[in-house]
Amino acid sequence: MARDPFLENAIMDVLWNSDEPMTPGMVRDALPPERSVRYTTVMTILTRLWNKGRLERDKAGRAYSYRPAATRSEHAAEKMEEILDAAGDRSVALARFTEHLSASERRRLKEYLDES
């Protein structure tokens, strides 16, 4: 089966939106209708995400239940760090990024930086 980052993202969205760990069947049932996939496909993607360290799992009967290893915000921050590392000149990348922030977002970022 080919890697499907869109399906991985859809599954992560389902798990981030849940207050409880979910089995593969629960995840499959919670996916948007346009993401109709087989149970085994969901199970494969969940296992891959667990192997990558993005999910934690516990035994739930004969299956496993899964939950995100990090919050959506923590994951986004990790991705931003990876992108900055790949940019070469982090200062230039950060400057270009802040050009696209709204005035209120820049203000909040400045407040955060002043606090830390």
N, C-alpha and C. Protein backbone atom coordinates (compact mmCIF):
# COMPACT_ATOMS: atom_id res chain seq x y z
N MET A 1 0.84 -1.18 0.00
CA MET A 1 0.00 0.00 0.00
C MET A 1 0.88 1.24 0.00
N ALA A 2 0.59 2.19 -0.86
CA ALA A 2 1.39 3.42 -0.93
C ALA A 2 1.11 4.30 0.28
N ARG A 3 2.11 5.09 0.62
CA ARG A 3 1.97 6.01 1.74
C ARG A 3 0.97 7.10 1.36
N ASP A 4 0.03 7.40 2.24
CA ASP A 4 -1.00 8.40 1.98
C ASP A 4 -0.97 9.46 3.09
N PRO A 5 -0.20 10.55 2.88
CA PRO A 5 -0.12 11.56 3.94
C PRO A 5 -1.46 12.23 4.22
N PHE A 6 -2.33 12.29 3.22
CA PHE A 6 -3.65 12.89 3.46
C PHE A 6 -4.48 12.02 4.39
N LEU A 7 -4.39 10.71 4.23
CA LEU A 7 -5.10 9.80 5.12
C LEU A 7 -4.48 9.84 6.52
N GLU A 8 -3.15 9.90 6.59
CA GLU A 8 -2.49 10.04 7.90
C GLU A 8 -3.00 11.30 8.61
N ASN A 9 -3.07 12.40 7.88
CA ASN A 9 -3.55 13.66 8.48
C ASN A 9 -5.00 13.56 8.90
N ALA A 10 -5.83 12.92 8.08
CA ALA A 10 -7.24 12.77 8.43
C ALA A 10 -7.39 11.92 9.69
N ILE A 11 -6.59 10.87 9.80
CA ILE A 11 -6.64 10.01 10.99
C ILE A 11 -6.15 10.78 12.21
N MET A 12 -5.08 11.55 12.06
CA MET A 12 -4.60 12.35 13.19
C MET A 12 -5.67 13.37 13.61
N ASP A 13 -6.37 13.98 12.65
CA ASP A 13 -7.44 14.92 13.00
C ASP A 13 -8.52 14.23 13.81
N VAL A 14 -8.91 13.03 13.41
CA VAL A 14 -9.92 12.28 14.16
C VAL A 14 -9.45 12.05 15.60
N LEU A 15 -8.20 11.63 15.76
CA LEU A 15 -7.68 11.34 17.10
C LEU A 15 -7.52 12.62 17.92
N TRP A 16 -7.06 13.70 17.31
CA TRP A 16 -6.93 14.96 18.05
C TRP A 16 -8.29 15.50 18.48
N ASN A 17 -9.33 15.21 17.71
CA ASN A 17 -10.67 15.70 18.05
C ASN A 17 -11.40 14.82 19.05
N SER A 18 -10.80 13.70 19.42
CA SER A 18 -11.42 12.79 20.36
C SER A 18 -10.85 13.00 21.77
N ASP A 19 -11.72 12.89 22.74
CA ASP A 19 -11.28 12.99 24.14
C ASP A 19 -10.79 11.65 24.68
N GLU A 20 -11.06 10.58 23.95
CA GLU A 20 -10.72 9.24 24.40
C GLU A 20 -9.88 8.52 23.35
N PRO A 21 -9.07 7.53 23.77
CA PRO A 21 -8.37 6.69 22.80
C PRO A 21 -9.39 5.99 21.90
N MET A 22 -8.99 5.68 20.68
CA MET A 22 -9.92 5.09 19.71
C MET A 22 -9.32 3.84 19.08
N THR A 23 -10.17 2.84 18.85
CA THR A 23 -9.76 1.64 18.14
C THR A 23 -9.78 1.94 16.64
N PRO A 24 -9.16 1.07 15.83
CA PRO A 24 -9.20 1.29 14.38
C PRO A 24 -10.63 1.40 13.83
N GLY A 25 -11.53 0.59 14.33
CA GLY A 25 -12.92 0.66 13.87
C GLY A 25 -13.56 2.00 14.19
N MET A 26 -13.30 2.51 15.39
CA MET A 26 -13.84 3.81 15.78
C MET A 26 -13.26 4.92 14.89
N VAL A 27 -11.96 4.83 14.62
CA VAL A 27 -11.32 5.83 13.76
C VAL A 27 -11.95 5.77 12.37
N ARG A 28 -12.08 4.58 11.82
CA ARG A 28 -12.66 4.42 10.48
C ARG A 28 -14.06 5.02 10.43
N ASP A 29 -14.86 4.76 11.43
CA ASP A 29 -16.24 5.28 11.46
C ASP A 29 -16.28 6.80 11.59
N ALA A 30 -15.24 7.40 12.19
CA ALA A 30 -15.21 8.84 12.41
C ALA A 30 -14.59 9.61 11.24
N LEU A 31 -13.99 8.91 10.30
CA LEU A 31 -13.41 9.59 9.14
C LEU A 31 -14.51 10.23 8.30
N PRO A 32 -14.21 11.35 7.65
CA PRO A 32 -15.21 11.97 6.77
C PRO A 32 -15.63 10.99 5.66
N PRO A 33 -16.86 11.09 5.20
CA PRO A 33 -17.36 10.14 4.19
C PRO A 33 -16.49 10.07 2.93
N GLU A 34 -15.89 11.18 2.53
CA GLU A 34 -15.03 11.16 1.33
C GLU A 34 -13.73 10.39 1.56
N ARG A 35 -13.44 10.02 2.80
CA ARG A 35 -12.23 9.23 3.13
C ARG A 35 -12.61 7.79 3.40
N SER A 36 -13.57 7.25 2.68
CA SER A 36 -14.01 5.87 2.88
C SER A 36 -12.86 4.90 2.61
N VAL A 37 -12.45 4.20 3.65
CA VAL A 37 -11.33 3.25 3.54
C VAL A 37 -11.68 1.97 4.30
N ARG A 38 -10.94 0.93 3.99
CA ARG A 38 -11.14 -0.34 4.67
C ARG A 38 -10.53 -0.31 6.07
N TYR A 39 -11.07 -1.16 6.93
CA TYR A 39 -10.57 -1.30 8.30
C TYR A 39 -9.08 -1.59 8.31
N THR A 40 -8.65 -2.51 7.44
CA THR A 40 -7.23 -2.90 7.43
C THR A 40 -6.33 -1.75 7.02
N THR A 41 -6.82 -0.86 6.16
CA THR A 41 -6.04 0.32 5.77
C THR A 41 -5.87 1.25 6.95
N VAL A 42 -6.95 1.47 7.69
CA VAL A 42 -6.86 2.33 8.89
C VAL A 42 -5.91 1.70 9.89
N MET A 43 -6.01 0.39 10.08
CA MET A 43 -5.13 -0.30 11.02
C MET A 43 -3.66 -0.14 10.59
N THR A 44 -3.38 -0.25 9.30
CA THR A 44 -2.02 -0.09 8.79
C THR A 44 -1.50 1.32 9.05
N ILE A 45 -2.32 2.32 8.77
CA ILE A 45 -1.90 3.71 8.98
C ILE A 45 -1.68 3.98 10.46
N LEU A 46 -2.56 3.48 11.32
CA LEU A 46 -2.38 3.65 12.76
C LEU A 46 -1.07 3.02 13.23
N THR A 47 -0.77 1.84 12.73
CA THR A 47 0.48 1.17 13.11
C THR A 47 1.68 1.97 12.63
N ARG A 48 1.61 2.50 11.43
CA ARG A 48 2.71 3.33 10.92
C ARG A 48 2.91 4.58 11.78
N LEU A 49 1.81 5.23 12.13
CA LEU A 49 1.89 6.43 12.97
C LEU A 49 2.45 6.09 14.35
N TRP A 50 2.07 4.93 14.87
CA TRP A 50 2.61 4.48 16.17
C TRP A 50 4.11 4.20 16.04
N ASN A 51 4.52 3.55 14.95
CA ASN A 51 5.95 3.28 14.73
C ASN A 51 6.77 4.57 14.59
N LYS A 52 6.15 5.61 14.07
CA LYS A 52 6.82 6.91 13.92
C LYS A 52 6.86 7.68 15.25
N GLY A 53 6.16 7.17 16.26
CA GLY A 53 6.13 7.86 17.55
C GLY A 53 5.05 8.92 17.65
N ARG A 54 4.17 8.99 16.68
CA ARG A 54 3.12 10.00 16.70
C ARG A 54 1.91 9.58 17.51
N LEU A 55 1.80 8.26 17.78
CA LEU A 55 0.68 7.74 18.56
C LEU A 55 1.17 6.89 19.71
N GLU A 56 0.34 6.80 20.73
CA GLU A 56 0.53 5.85 21.81
C GLU A 56 -0.62 4.86 21.69
N ARG A 57 -0.42 3.63 22.17
CA ARG A 57 -1.49 2.65 22.07
C ARG A 57 -1.52 1.76 23.30
N ASP A 58 -2.72 1.25 23.56
CA ASP A 58 -2.96 0.32 24.65
C ASP A 58 -3.83 -0.80 24.11
N LYS A 59 -3.70 -1.98 24.71
CA LYS A 59 -4.53 -3.11 24.32
C LYS A 59 -5.97 -2.81 24.70
N ALA A 60 -6.89 -3.05 23.77
CA ALA A 60 -8.33 -2.85 24.01
C ALA A 60 -9.04 -4.08 23.47
N GLY A 61 -9.13 -5.11 24.30
CA GLY A 61 -9.69 -6.38 23.83
C GLY A 61 -8.71 -7.03 22.87
N ARG A 62 -9.19 -7.36 21.67
CA ARG A 62 -8.32 -7.98 20.67
C ARG A 62 -7.60 -6.94 19.82
N ALA A 63 -7.98 -5.70 19.93
CA ALA A 63 -7.38 -4.63 19.14
C ALA A 63 -6.56 -3.72 20.05
N TYR A 64 -6.07 -2.65 19.49
CA TYR A 64 -5.41 -1.60 20.26
C TYR A 64 -6.27 -0.35 20.18
N SER A 65 -6.17 0.48 21.20
CA SER A 65 -6.75 1.82 21.12
C SER A 65 -5.60 2.80 21.02
N TYR A 66 -5.79 3.84 20.25
CA TYR A 66 -4.73 4.79 19.93
C TYR A 66 -5.11 6.20 20.40
N ARG A 67 -4.08 6.95 20.75
CA ARG A 67 -4.24 8.36 21.11
C ARG A 67 -2.98 9.09 20.66
N PRO A 68 -3.11 10.37 20.36
CA PRO A 68 -1.93 11.12 19.91
C PRO A 68 -0.87 11.20 21.00
N ALA A 69 0.39 11.12 20.59
CA ALA A 69 1.50 11.24 21.54
C ALA A 69 1.76 12.71 21.88
N ALA A 70 1.28 13.62 21.03
CA ALA A 70 1.46 15.05 21.25
C ALA A 70 0.18 15.75 20.83
N THR A 71 -0.04 16.92 21.38
CA THR A 71 -1.20 17.71 20.97
C THR A 71 -0.98 18.22 19.55
N ARG A 72 -2.04 18.70 18.95
CA ARG A 72 -1.96 19.28 17.61
C ARG A 72 -0.95 20.43 17.59
N SER A 73 -0.98 21.28 18.62
CA SER A 73 -0.06 22.42 18.70
C SER A 73 1.38 21.97 18.87
N GLU A 74 1.59 20.97 19.71
CA GLU A 74 2.95 20.45 19.89
C GLU A 74 3.48 19.86 18.59
N HIS A 75 2.62 19.15 17.86
CA HIS A 75 3.03 18.57 16.59
C HIS A 75 3.37 19.66 15.57
N ALA A 76 2.55 20.71 15.53
CA ALA A 76 2.81 21.82 14.61
C ALA A 76 4.14 22.48 14.94
N ALA A 77 4.43 22.65 16.23
CA ALA A 77 5.70 23.25 16.64
C ALA A 77 6.88 22.38 16.21
N GLU A 78 6.74 21.06 16.33
CA GLU A 78 7.80 20.14 15.89
C GLU A 78 8.03 20.27 14.39
N LYS A 79 6.94 20.36 13.61
CA LYS A 79 7.05 20.52 12.16
C LYS A 79 7.72 21.85 11.81
N MET A 80 7.37 22.90 12.53
CA MET A 80 7.99 24.20 12.29
C MET A 80 9.49 24.15 12.55
N GLU A 81 9.87 23.43 13.58
CA GLU A 81 11.30 23.27 13.90
C GLU A 81 12.02 22.53 12.78
N GLU A 82 11.39 21.48 12.26
CA GLU A 82 11.98 20.74 11.14
C GLU A 82 12.15 21.63 9.91
N ILE A 83 11.15 22.44 9.65
CA ILE A 83 11.21 23.33 8.49
C ILE A 83 12.30 24.38 8.67
N LEU A 84 12.41 24.92 9.87
CA LEU A 84 13.47 25.90 10.13
C LEU A 84 14.85 25.27 9.98
N ASP A 85 15.00 24.04 10.45
CA ASP A 85 16.28 23.34 10.29
C ASP A 85 16.63 23.16 8.82
N ALA A 86 15.61 22.87 8.00
CA ALA A 86 15.84 22.64 6.58
C ALA A 86 16.08 23.94 5.81
N ALA A 87 15.69 25.06 6.39
CA ALA A 87 15.77 26.35 5.69
C ALA A 87 17.21 26.84 5.51
N GLY A 88 18.11 26.35 6.32
CA GLY A 88 19.49 26.85 6.25
C GLY A 88 19.66 28.06 7.14
N ASP A 89 19.21 29.19 6.68
CA ASP A 89 19.29 30.43 7.47
C ASP A 89 17.97 30.64 8.20
N ARG A 90 17.95 30.22 9.46
CA ARG A 90 16.73 30.30 10.24
C ARG A 90 16.20 31.71 10.38
N SER A 91 17.10 32.69 10.50
CA SER A 91 16.68 34.08 10.66
C SER A 91 15.90 34.58 9.46
N VAL A 92 16.37 34.25 8.28
CA VAL A 92 15.68 34.67 7.06
C VAL A 92 14.32 33.98 6.97
N ALA A 93 14.28 32.69 7.26
CA ALA A 93 13.01 31.95 7.22
C ALA A 93 12.02 32.53 8.22
N LEU A 94 12.48 32.84 9.42
CA LEU A 94 11.59 33.43 10.43
C LEU A 94 11.10 34.80 10.00
N ALA A 95 11.97 35.60 9.41
CA ALA A 95 11.58 36.93 8.95
C ALA A 95 10.50 36.81 7.87
N ARG A 96 10.70 35.90 6.93
CA ARG A 96 9.71 35.71 5.86
C ARG A 96 8.39 35.21 6.44
N PHE A 97 8.48 34.33 7.44
CA PHE A 97 7.27 33.81 8.08
C PHE A 97 6.48 34.93 8.75
N THR A 98 7.17 35.78 9.49
CA THR A 98 6.46 36.83 10.22
C THR A 98 5.84 37.86 9.29
N GLU A 99 6.35 37.98 8.06
CA GLU A 99 5.74 38.90 7.08
C GLU A 99 4.30 38.51 6.78
N HIS A 100 3.97 37.24 6.94
CA HIS A 100 2.64 36.75 6.61
C HIS A 100 1.70 36.68 7.81
N LEU A 101 2.17 37.09 8.97
CA LEU A 101 1.32 37.10 10.16
C LEU A 101 0.47 38.37 10.18
N SER A 102 -0.71 38.26 10.76
CA SER A 102 -1.55 39.43 10.94
C SER A 102 -0.94 40.30 12.03
N ALA A 103 -1.41 41.53 12.14
CA ALA A 103 -0.91 42.44 13.17
C ALA A 103 -1.13 41.86 14.56
N SER A 104 -2.28 41.25 14.78
CA SER A 104 -2.55 40.69 16.11
C SER A 104 -1.66 39.47 16.39
N GLU A 105 -1.38 38.68 15.37
CA GLU A 105 -0.48 37.54 15.55
C GLU A 105 0.94 38.00 15.83
N ARG A 106 1.39 39.04 15.14
CA ARG A 106 2.74 39.59 15.41
C ARG A 106 2.81 40.16 16.82
N ARG A 107 1.74 40.82 17.24
CA ARG A 107 1.70 41.39 18.60
C ARG A 107 1.78 40.27 19.64
N ARG A 108 1.02 39.20 19.44
CA ARG A 108 1.03 38.08 20.38
C ARG A 108 2.39 37.39 20.39
N LEU A 109 3.01 37.27 19.23
CA LEU A 109 4.35 36.66 19.14
C LEU A 109 5.35 37.52 19.90
N LYS A 110 5.27 38.83 19.73
CA LYS A 110 6.18 39.74 20.46
C LYS A 110 5.96 39.62 21.96
N GLU A 111 4.72 39.55 22.41
CA GLU A 111 4.42 39.38 23.82
C GLU A 111 5.04 38.08 24.35
N TYR A 112 4.86 37.02 23.58
CA TYR A 112 5.41 35.73 23.99
C TYR A 112 6.93 35.79 24.09
N LEU A 113 7.58 36.39 23.11
CA LEU A 113 9.04 36.50 23.12
C LEU A 113 9.53 37.36 24.28
N ASP A 114 8.79 38.43 24.58
CA ASP A 114 9.17 39.28 25.72
C ASP A 114 9.03 38.56 27.05
N GLU A 115 8.07 37.61 27.12
CA GLU A 115 7.86 36.85 28.36
C GLU A 115 8.91 35.78 28.57
N SER A 116 9.47 35.26 27.48
CA SER A 116 10.40 34.13 27.63
C SER A 116 11.84 34.55 27.72
